[in-house]
């Protein structure tokens, strides 16, 4: 399949508009408020201590010897990188421009990008994460709109149903599978008075691929010629189907999305609620080239290598229907999302719910006139993924995408100093093998985040 470079044009146009808006702002005098133009920039870096359980499950799929690590006779699904590790995952550069309430633009670039590299650990180490411009005012979840209005957003941006105020560094099963990555295209939002709203989008659609839901995605579909020993640094992981990052725009597989929501908020803006129902649909491509992997995306992935072990697919349609609930009660927040998906006639559904509290800490110590230990925010998230793919007798190399999954993530974020915080969290990750046996693939993750 030929992928057209229109998506790169969308991003290029977004960046050009962004730079033009920044240049217009800089023609004025003043600091961050330049004759109605507000601009802000930031830098963020994350380092981690990670301790991942070690698991290994043999596969019945008959891999040819050249597709196995040296000296290995059967294939395995196994923890991407088990044991204890210190690592830097991301350095982020962020630039925002705004003019009143009618125009905004954002440019976000990630460097290193360790936890988002897929399909292999050799994936992009510099990623244009967001690049968009928006005309009109977009109202945040659980906030009342000022009045009826409309906005248009163009570029690379997050899906409108995604949870953006995340309280843990890890991702749940649903957020990994359906809306972790940004997409390329156009989004339209309409406020119907202060309470009701509609959303619609036309985007490239994120390619369907596989990854481990823990921190590291894993290496999948790498020829053995690139494996230097029978114990490569990055293993496959226990993978689920998910929408990976898009970099191209193809009109033939355009993804269309729509949503309808209602929101409430009290006058002091301390209590708010937002309920959104939404849907997406696109046609799957016959084959999408995934750089670095001999596995293809979309239908090629579902059919297995050389079409020898296909899952019981019946059509070429991919669709999701879901519902979101945001709830804010002072320092307490809840986010819930349910998704029902049909991919090429294969059904799966998932639910994810997260609760979080944030407490300001009293002033006990200060350094350079600024408080040390500023806040504490515990969080708990439960997610489940239930595929009904059938075909368990088929020897697909990514057998784990048919398994049932439950994941419990809990942790606490501590404000150490203005601009510096630490998150300690544990993922209790359980899946059910084809045999019916349960396995845990747990992970402890500690993150030190610095923001300027």
Protein backbone atom coordinates (compact mmCIF):
# COMPACT_ATOMS: atom_id res chain seq x y z
CA UNK A 1 0.00 0.00 0.00
CA UNK A 2 1.32 3.47 -0.86
CA UNK A 3 1.18 5.94 1.98
CA UNK A 4 0.88 9.53 0.81
CA UNK A 5 2.98 12.26 2.49
CA UNK A 6 -0.06 14.47 3.11
CA UNK A 7 0.23 13.99 6.85
CA UNK A 8 3.68 15.50 6.82
CA UNK A 9 2.15 18.43 4.95
CA UNK A 10 -0.47 18.83 7.68
CA UNK A 11 2.24 18.92 10.33
CA UNK A 12 4.40 21.26 8.23
CA UNK A 13 1.45 23.62 7.76
CA UNK A 14 0.70 23.51 11.49
CA UNK A 15 4.30 24.28 12.38
CA UNK A 16 4.40 27.10 9.81
CA UNK A 17 1.26 28.67 11.24
CA UNK A 18 2.66 28.21 14.73
CA UNK A 19 5.95 29.94 13.86
CA UNK A 20 4.07 32.73 12.11
CA UNK A 21 1.95 33.33 15.19
CA UNK A 22 5.04 33.38 17.41
CA UNK A 23 6.77 35.80 15.05
CA UNK A 24 3.73 38.07 15.18
CA UNK A 25 3.83 37.96 18.95
CA UNK A 26 7.52 38.84 19.06
CA UNK A 27 6.96 41.95 16.96
CA UNK A 28 5.26 43.49 20.01
CA UNK A 29 6.96 44.70 23.16
CA UNK A 30 6.70 43.23 26.63
CA UNK A 31 7.22 39.89 28.34
CA UNK A 32 4.86 36.97 28.10
CA UNK A 33 1.85 39.16 27.18
CA UNK A 34 2.67 40.83 23.88
CA UNK A 35 -0.19 43.14 22.79
CA UNK A 36 -2.73 40.38 23.32
CA UNK A 37 -0.33 37.57 22.38
CA UNK A 38 0.54 35.21 25.23
CA UNK A 39 3.39 32.79 24.71
CA UNK A 40 5.01 30.31 27.01
CA UNK A 41 7.76 27.73 26.70
CA UNK A 42 8.88 24.90 28.92
CA UNK A 43 11.33 22.04 29.30
CA UNK A 44 10.65 18.76 31.09
CA UNK A 45 12.92 15.78 31.79
CA UNK A 46 12.16 12.38 33.37
CA UNK A 47 14.46 9.78 34.89
CA UNK A 48 13.28 6.47 36.32
CA UNK A 49 14.04 3.48 38.47
CA UNK A 50 12.16 0.47 37.04
CA UNK A 51 11.89 -3.06 38.42
CA UNK A 52 10.02 -5.46 36.10
CA UNK A 53 8.96 -9.05 36.82
CA UNK A 54 10.55 -11.77 34.70
CA UNK A 55 8.12 -13.92 32.68
CA UNK A 56 8.52 -16.23 29.71
CA UNK A 57 5.79 -18.11 27.84
CA UNK A 58 6.64 -20.46 24.92
CA UNK A 59 4.76 -20.12 21.65
CA UNK A 60 3.51 -22.92 19.44
CA UNK A 61 3.97 -20.84 16.29
CA UNK A 62 6.58 -22.54 14.01
CA UNK A 63 9.07 -19.72 13.53
CA UNK A 64 11.67 -20.37 10.80
CA UNK A 65 15.19 -20.56 12.33
CA UNK A 66 16.24 -17.29 10.68
CA UNK A 67 13.54 -15.45 12.62
CA UNK A 68 14.76 -16.68 16.03
CA UNK A 69 17.66 -15.45 18.15
CA UNK A 70 20.83 -17.45 17.68
CA UNK A 71 20.65 -20.88 19.32
CA UNK A 72 16.92 -20.68 20.08
CA UNK A 73 14.63 -23.40 18.72
CA UNK A 74 11.20 -22.03 19.71
CA UNK A 75 9.77 -18.55 20.05
CA UNK A 76 8.73 -16.97 23.33
CA UNK A 77 6.74 -14.07 24.61
CA UNK A 78 8.73 -12.64 27.51
CA UNK A 79 9.18 -9.54 29.62
CA UNK A 80 10.76 -6.79 27.55
CA UNK A 81 13.58 -6.06 29.99
CA UNK A 82 13.22 -7.77 33.36
CA UNK A 83 14.96 -6.72 36.56
CA UNK A 84 16.12 -3.40 37.99
CA UNK A 85 17.08 -0.50 35.73
CA UNK A 86 17.88 3.19 35.98
CA UNK A 87 17.00 5.06 32.78
CA UNK A 88 16.09 8.43 31.30
CA UNK A 89 12.90 8.22 29.25
CA UNK A 90 12.12 11.67 27.93
CA UNK A 91 13.26 15.25 27.50
CA UNK A 92 10.36 17.41 26.30
CA UNK A 93 10.39 20.86 24.75
CA UNK A 94 7.04 22.68 24.74
CA UNK A 95 5.98 25.98 23.19
CA UNK A 96 2.47 27.50 23.47
CA UNK A 97 1.10 30.62 21.78
CA UNK A 98 -2.32 32.15 22.43
CA UNK A 99 -4.12 35.27 21.31
CA UNK A 100 -7.10 36.04 23.52
CA UNK A 101 -9.61 33.20 23.49
CA UNK A 102 -9.80 32.90 19.72
CA UNK A 103 -6.43 31.47 18.71
CA UNK A 104 -3.97 28.96 20.19
CA UNK A 105 -1.06 26.88 18.89
CA UNK A 106 1.23 24.28 20.40
CA UNK A 107 4.53 22.66 19.49
CA UNK A 108 5.73 19.70 21.59
CA UNK A 109 8.89 17.71 20.84
CA UNK A 110 10.08 14.64 22.76
CA UNK A 111 13.72 13.60 22.76
CA UNK A 112 14.93 10.10 23.81
CA UNK A 113 11.28 8.97 23.92
CA UNK A 114 12.24 5.60 25.40
CA UNK A 115 8.79 4.46 26.50
CA UNK A 116 7.09 5.35 23.21
CA UNK A 117 9.50 3.64 20.82
CA UNK A 118 7.67 1.04 18.77
CA UNK A 119 7.85 -1.38 17.02
CA UNK A 120 11.47 -1.61 18.08
CA UNK A 121 13.83 0.01 20.55
CA UNK A 122 15.57 1.54 17.51
CA UNK A 123 12.50 3.66 16.70
CA UNK A 124 12.62 7.47 16.55
CA UNK A 125 14.54 9.11 19.37
CA UNK A 126 13.18 12.53 18.42
CA UNK A 127 9.41 12.76 18.03
CA UNK A 128 7.18 15.64 17.00
CA UNK A 129 4.52 14.81 19.59
CA UNK A 130 2.13 17.70 18.98
CA UNK A 131 1.99 20.42 16.33
CA UNK A 132 -1.35 22.14 15.95
CA UNK A 133 -3.18 25.42 15.59
CA UNK A 134 -6.69 26.15 16.84
CA UNK A 135 -9.12 28.86 15.81
CA UNK A 136 -11.86 29.46 18.36
CA UNK A 137 -12.16 28.57 22.03
CA UNK A 138 -11.99 24.97 23.27
CA UNK A 139 -13.55 24.32 26.69
CA UNK A 140 -11.80 21.90 29.03
CA UNK A 141 -13.68 18.85 30.37
CA UNK A 142 -16.06 19.56 33.29
CA UNK A 143 -15.91 23.32 32.71
CA UNK A 144 -18.88 25.32 31.45
CA UNK A 145 -18.44 27.09 28.14
CA UNK A 146 -18.59 30.89 28.20
CA UNK A 147 -21.31 30.79 25.55
CA UNK A 148 -22.21 29.02 22.32
CA UNK A 149 -19.24 28.82 20.00
CA UNK A 150 -17.15 26.80 17.59
CA UNK A 151 -13.48 25.91 17.17
CA UNK A 152 -11.38 24.24 14.49
CA UNK A 153 -8.09 22.48 15.24
CA UNK A 154 -5.58 21.46 12.56
CA UNK A 155 -2.39 19.42 12.89
CA UNK A 156 -1.18 16.63 15.14
CA UNK A 157 -3.14 16.45 18.39
CA UNK A 158 -4.66 14.07 20.96
CA UNK A 159 -8.04 12.40 20.40
CA UNK A 160 -10.79 14.44 22.04
CA UNK A 161 -11.86 11.57 24.35
CA UNK A 162 -8.37 11.02 25.82
CA UNK A 163 -7.61 11.62 29.49
CA UNK A 164 -5.01 14.39 29.50
CA UNK A 165 -4.82 15.13 33.25
CA UNK A 166 -3.08 11.84 34.10
CA UNK A 167 -1.86 11.33 37.67
CA UNK A 168 0.48 8.37 37.15
CA UNK A 169 3.34 7.87 34.71
CA UNK A 170 2.08 4.44 33.62
CA UNK A 171 -0.86 3.87 31.29
CA UNK A 172 -3.91 1.68 31.78
CA UNK A 173 -4.92 -1.03 29.35
CA UNK A 174 -7.65 1.06 27.69
CA UNK A 175 -5.56 4.21 27.37
CA UNK A 176 -2.74 2.10 25.88
CA UNK A 177 -4.99 0.25 23.44
CA UNK A 178 -7.16 3.05 22.08
CA UNK A 179 -5.90 6.62 22.48
CA UNK A 180 -2.35 6.83 23.81
CA UNK A 181 -0.94 8.54 20.73
CA UNK A 182 -1.79 11.72 18.89
CA UNK A 183 -3.30 11.66 15.39
CA UNK A 184 -3.02 13.85 12.28
CA UNK A 185 -5.92 15.76 10.81
CA UNK A 186 -8.78 18.11 11.63
CA UNK A 187 -11.05 18.46 14.67
CA UNK A 188 -14.24 20.49 15.00
CA UNK A 189 -15.91 21.40 18.30
CA UNK A 190 -19.26 23.11 18.83
CA UNK A 191 -20.60 24.45 22.14
CA UNK A 192 -24.40 24.33 22.13
CA UNK A 193 -24.93 26.81 24.91
CA UNK A 194 -22.92 26.37 28.11
CA UNK A 195 -23.77 22.74 28.91
CA UNK A 196 -24.02 20.71 25.70
CA UNK A 197 -21.31 20.23 23.09
CA UNK A 198 -20.40 18.20 20.01
CA UNK A 199 -17.06 17.04 18.62
CA UNK A 200 -16.12 15.71 15.19
CA UNK A 201 -12.79 14.75 13.62
CA UNK A 202 -11.31 13.53 10.36
CA UNK A 203 -7.82 12.13 10.87
CA UNK A 204 -5.26 9.78 9.39
CA UNK A 205 -6.03 7.03 11.90
CA UNK A 206 -3.35 5.43 14.04
CA UNK A 207 -2.06 2.14 12.55
CA UNK A 208 -3.05 -1.06 14.35
CA UNK A 209 -0.02 -2.77 15.88
CA UNK A 210 1.11 -4.51 19.10
CA UNK A 211 2.97 -3.53 22.28
CA UNK A 212 3.43 -4.47 25.92
CA UNK A 213 1.20 -2.35 28.23
CA UNK A 214 4.02 -1.86 30.76
CA UNK A 215 6.67 0.88 30.40
CA UNK A 216 8.72 -0.55 27.51
CA UNK A 217 7.01 -1.49 24.25
CA UNK A 218 9.38 -4.32 23.30
CA UNK A 219 10.97 -5.51 20.06
CA UNK A 220 8.64 -7.40 17.73
CA UNK A 221 9.31 -8.78 14.28
CA UNK A 222 13.07 -8.21 14.18
CA UNK A 223 14.98 -10.62 11.89
CA UNK A 224 17.52 -12.78 13.67
CA UNK A 225 20.29 -11.23 11.59
CA UNK A 226 19.92 -8.21 13.88
CA UNK A 227 20.06 -10.33 17.03
CA UNK A 228 23.62 -10.74 18.22
CA UNK A 229 22.94 -13.36 20.91
CA UNK A 230 20.16 -15.62 22.24
CA UNK A 231 19.41 -13.11 25.00
CA UNK A 232 18.76 -9.77 23.25
CA UNK A 233 18.48 -6.61 25.32
CA UNK A 234 14.83 -6.08 24.39
CA UNK A 235 12.39 -8.99 24.18
CA UNK A 236 8.90 -9.10 22.70
CA UNK A 237 6.87 -8.28 25.81
CA UNK A 238 3.33 -9.57 26.37
CA UNK A 239 1.56 -7.63 23.68
CA UNK A 240 -1.93 -6.29 23.14
CA UNK A 241 -3.44 -4.77 20.00
CA UNK A 242 -3.16 -1.00 20.13
CA UNK A 243 -3.19 2.11 17.96
CA UNK A 244 0.42 3.08 17.43
CA UNK A 245 1.79 6.46 16.39
CA UNK A 246 0.86 7.81 12.97
CA UNK A 247 3.17 9.76 10.72
CA UNK A 248 1.33 9.64 7.38
CA UNK A 249 -2.02 10.77 6.07
CA UNK A 250 -3.93 8.44 3.73
CA UNK A 251 -7.31 9.59 2.46
CA UNK A 252 -8.43 6.04 1.68
CA UNK A 253 -8.24 5.02 5.36
CA UNK A 254 -9.46 8.31 6.81
CA UNK A 255 -10.78 7.86 10.35
CA UNK A 256 -14.00 9.72 11.17
CA UNK A 257 -14.95 10.45 14.77
CA UNK A 258 -17.89 12.11 16.51
CA UNK A 259 -18.93 12.80 20.09
CA UNK A 260 -21.80 14.34 22.04
CA UNK A 261 -21.35 15.58 25.59
CA UNK A 262 -22.91 17.41 28.51
CA UNK A 263 -21.09 19.19 31.35
CA UNK A 264 -21.89 20.84 34.67
CA UNK A 265 -19.95 23.10 37.04
CA UNK A 266 -20.72 25.08 40.17
CA UNK A 267 -20.10 28.83 40.43
CA UNK A 268 -16.83 28.60 42.47
CA UNK A 269 -15.48 26.07 39.91
CA UNK A 270 -14.74 23.53 42.66
CA UNK A 271 -17.20 20.88 41.44
CA UNK A 272 -17.56 19.78 37.84
CA UNK A 273 -18.79 16.82 35.81
CA UNK A 274 -18.59 15.90 32.13
CA UNK A 275 -20.18 12.97 30.28
CA UNK A 276 -19.24 12.21 26.67
CA UNK A 277 -20.34 9.48 24.26
CA UNK A 278 -18.20 9.04 21.16
CA UNK A 279 -17.44 6.83 18.17
CA UNK A 280 -14.72 6.33 15.54
CA UNK A 281 -14.64 4.38 12.30
CA UNK A 282 -12.17 3.66 9.51
CA UNK A 283 -11.30 0.91 7.03
CA UNK A 284 -8.20 -1.13 7.80
CA UNK A 285 -5.40 -1.12 5.26
CA UNK A 286 -4.34 -4.37 3.64
CA UNK A 287 -0.79 -3.80 4.81
CA UNK A 288 1.04 -0.99 6.56
CA UNK A 289 4.81 -1.02 6.61
CA UNK A 290 6.08 -0.80 10.20
CA UNK A 291 9.67 0.44 10.16
CA UNK A 292 12.13 -2.04 11.66
CA UNK A 293 9.73 -4.99 11.82
CA UNK A 294 8.80 -7.75 9.40
CA UNK A 295 5.28 -7.60 10.85
CA UNK A 296 2.94 -5.28 9.00
CA UNK A 297 0.18 -3.22 10.56
CA UNK A 298 -3.61 -3.39 10.23
CA UNK A 299 -4.93 -6.48 8.35
CA UNK A 300 -1.45 -7.87 7.69
CA UNK A 301 -0.88 -8.10 11.44
CA UNK A 302 -4.18 -9.91 12.04
CA UNK A 303 -3.46 -12.43 9.29
CA UNK A 304 -0.10 -13.39 10.74
CA UNK A 305 3.21 -13.88 8.90
CA UNK A 306 2.71 -15.01 5.30
CA UNK A 307 -1.08 -15.24 5.96
CA UNK A 308 -0.45 -18.68 7.47
CA UNK A 309 -2.22 -18.24 10.82
CA UNK A 310 -4.97 -15.64 10.44
CA UNK A 311 -7.32 -14.71 13.22
CA UNK A 312 -10.98 -15.31 12.23
CA UNK A 313 -11.46 -11.89 10.61
CA UNK A 314 -14.59 -11.24 8.53
CA UNK A 315 -14.31 -7.70 7.17
CA UNK A 316 -12.02 -4.66 6.86
CA UNK A 317 -13.76 -2.29 9.25
CA UNK A 318 -12.36 -0.93 12.51
CA UNK A 319 -14.74 0.89 14.85
CA UNK A 320 -14.90 1.99 18.48
CA UNK A 321 -17.82 3.26 20.51
CA UNK A 322 -17.26 4.56 24.01
CA UNK A 323 -18.32 6.73 26.90
CA UNK A 324 -16.29 8.95 29.25
CA UNK A 325 -16.99 10.47 32.65
CA UNK A 326 -14.90 13.21 34.23
CA UNK A 327 -15.74 14.18 37.81
CA UNK A 328 -14.04 16.82 39.96
CA UNK A 329 -14.94 17.44 43.61
CA UNK A 330 -12.45 19.87 45.06
CA UNK A 331 -9.14 17.99 45.36
CA UNK A 332 -10.74 14.70 44.30
CA UNK A 333 -10.99 13.61 40.67
CA UNK A 334 -12.37 10.59 38.82
CA UNK A 335 -11.97 9.59 35.19
CA UNK A 336 -13.74 6.61 33.66
CA UNK A 337 -13.81 5.30 30.13
CA UNK A 338 -15.60 2.34 28.53
CA UNK A 339 -14.79 1.23 24.97
CA UNK A 340 -16.42 -1.37 22.74
CA UNK A 341 -14.38 -2.19 19.64
CA UNK A 342 -14.88 -4.24 16.51
CA UNK A 343 -11.76 -4.77 14.43
CA UNK A 344 -12.20 -6.77 11.22
CA UNK A 345 -15.14 -8.59 12.82
CA UNK A 346 -13.23 -9.34 16.05
CA UNK A 347 -14.81 -7.95 19.22
CA UNK A 348 -13.21 -6.66 22.40
CA UNK A 349 -14.19 -4.24 25.11
CA UNK A 350 -12.42 -2.53 27.95
CA UNK A 351 -12.97 -0.32 30.97
CA UNK A 352 -10.61 2.02 32.78
CA UNK A 353 -11.26 4.06 35.92
CA UNK A 354 -8.90 6.31 37.88
CA UNK A 355 -9.37 8.14 41.18
CA UNK A 356 -6.93 10.69 42.54
CA UNK A 357 -6.66 13.09 45.45
CA UNK A 358 -4.31 16.03 45.86
CA UNK A 359 -3.38 17.55 49.22
CA UNK A 360 -1.29 20.66 49.77
CA UNK A 361 1.30 20.10 52.50
CA UNK A 362 1.95 22.65 55.26
CA UNK A 363 5.09 24.72 55.15
CA UNK A 364 7.81 22.99 57.19
CA UNK A 365 11.00 23.60 55.25
CA UNK A 366 12.08 26.07 52.60
CA UNK A 367 15.10 26.45 50.35
CA UNK A 368 15.90 29.79 48.70
CA UNK A 369 12.57 31.10 49.96
CA UNK A 370 10.56 28.31 48.29
CA UNK A 371 8.72 25.47 50.02
CA UNK A 372 10.12 21.95 50.12
CA UNK A 373 7.51 19.13 49.99
CA UNK A 374 4.63 21.08 48.48
CA UNK A 375 1.87 18.49 47.90
CA UNK A 376 1.04 14.80 47.88
CA UNK A 377 -1.32 13.13 45.40
CA UNK A 378 -2.19 9.41 45.69
CA UNK A 379 -3.89 7.76 42.71
CA UNK A 380 -5.49 4.40 41.93
CA UNK A 381 -6.40 3.10 38.48
CA UNK A 382 -8.09 -0.14 37.44
CA UNK A 383 -8.33 -1.25 33.82
CA UNK A 384 -9.51 -4.38 32.08
CA UNK A 385 -9.40 -5.61 28.48
CA UNK A 386 -11.57 -8.50 27.30
CA UNK A 387 -10.97 -9.66 23.70
CA UNK A 388 -13.42 -12.06 22.10
CA UNK A 389 -11.23 -12.85 19.12
CA UNK A 390 -11.72 -16.62 18.94
CA UNK A 391 -9.18 -18.58 16.94
CA UNK A 392 -7.36 -19.87 20.00
CA UNK A 393 -6.42 -22.97 18.02
CA UNK A 394 -4.51 -20.75 15.60
CA UNK A 395 -0.77 -20.49 16.19
CA UNK A 396 -0.50 -16.71 15.87
CA UNK A 397 2.91 -15.38 17.01
CA UNK A 398 1.22 -12.61 19.03
CA UNK A 399 -1.03 -14.99 20.99
CA UNK A 400 -1.27 -12.61 23.97
CA UNK A 401 -3.49 -10.18 22.07
CA UNK A 402 -6.30 -12.77 22.51
CA UNK A 403 -5.83 -13.00 26.29
CA UNK A 404 -7.98 -11.37 28.97
CA UNK A 405 -6.15 -8.71 30.96
CA UNK A 406 -6.62 -6.91 34.29
CA UNK A 407 -4.28 -4.16 35.45
CA UNK A 408 -4.26 -2.33 38.79
CA UNK A 409 -1.97 0.69 39.02
CA UNK A 410 -1.56 2.54 42.29
CA UNK A 411 0.94 5.11 43.43
CA UNK A 412 1.61 8.52 44.88
CA UNK A 413 3.10 11.71 43.47
CA UNK A 414 5.05 13.96 45.85
CA UNK A 415 5.89 17.58 45.11
CA UNK A 416 9.51 17.88 46.23
CA UNK A 417 10.10 21.50 45.22
CA UNK A 418 8.47 23.88 42.71
CA UNK A 419 9.14 22.28 39.32
CA UNK A 420 10.35 18.97 40.78
CA UNK A 421 8.23 15.97 41.75
CA UNK A 422 8.55 12.22 42.25
CA UNK A 423 6.00 9.51 41.45
CA UNK A 424 6.24 6.01 42.92
CA UNK A 425 3.79 3.47 41.49
CA UNK A 426 3.22 -0.25 41.17
CA UNK A 427 1.44 -2.07 38.33
CA UNK A 428 -0.27 -5.34 39.23
CA UNK A 429 -0.70 -6.71 35.70
CA UNK A 430 -2.51 -10.06 35.26
CA UNK A 431 -3.34 -11.96 32.07
CA UNK A 432 -5.01 -15.29 31.35
CA UNK A 433 -3.20 -17.70 29.02
CA UNK A 434 -4.94 -19.76 26.33
CA UNK A 435 -4.70 -22.70 28.76
CA UNK A 436 -6.72 -20.76 31.37
CA UNK A 437 -3.75 -20.29 33.70
CA UNK A 438 -3.10 -16.81 35.15
CA UNK A 439 0.24 -15.01 35.07
CA UNK A 440 1.41 -11.75 36.62
CA UNK A 441 3.70 -9.34 34.80
CA UNK A 442 4.10 -6.68 37.48
CA UNK A 443 6.27 -3.59 37.48
CA UNK A 444 7.51 -0.99 39.96
CA UNK A 445 8.20 2.41 38.46
CA UNK A 446 9.70 5.45 40.20
CA UNK A 447 9.86 8.70 38.23
CA UNK A 448 11.71 11.90 39.02
CA UNK A 449 10.31 14.72 36.88
CA UNK A 450 11.86 18.17 36.52
CA UNK A 451 10.02 21.05 34.85
CA UNK A 452 11.29 24.49 33.90
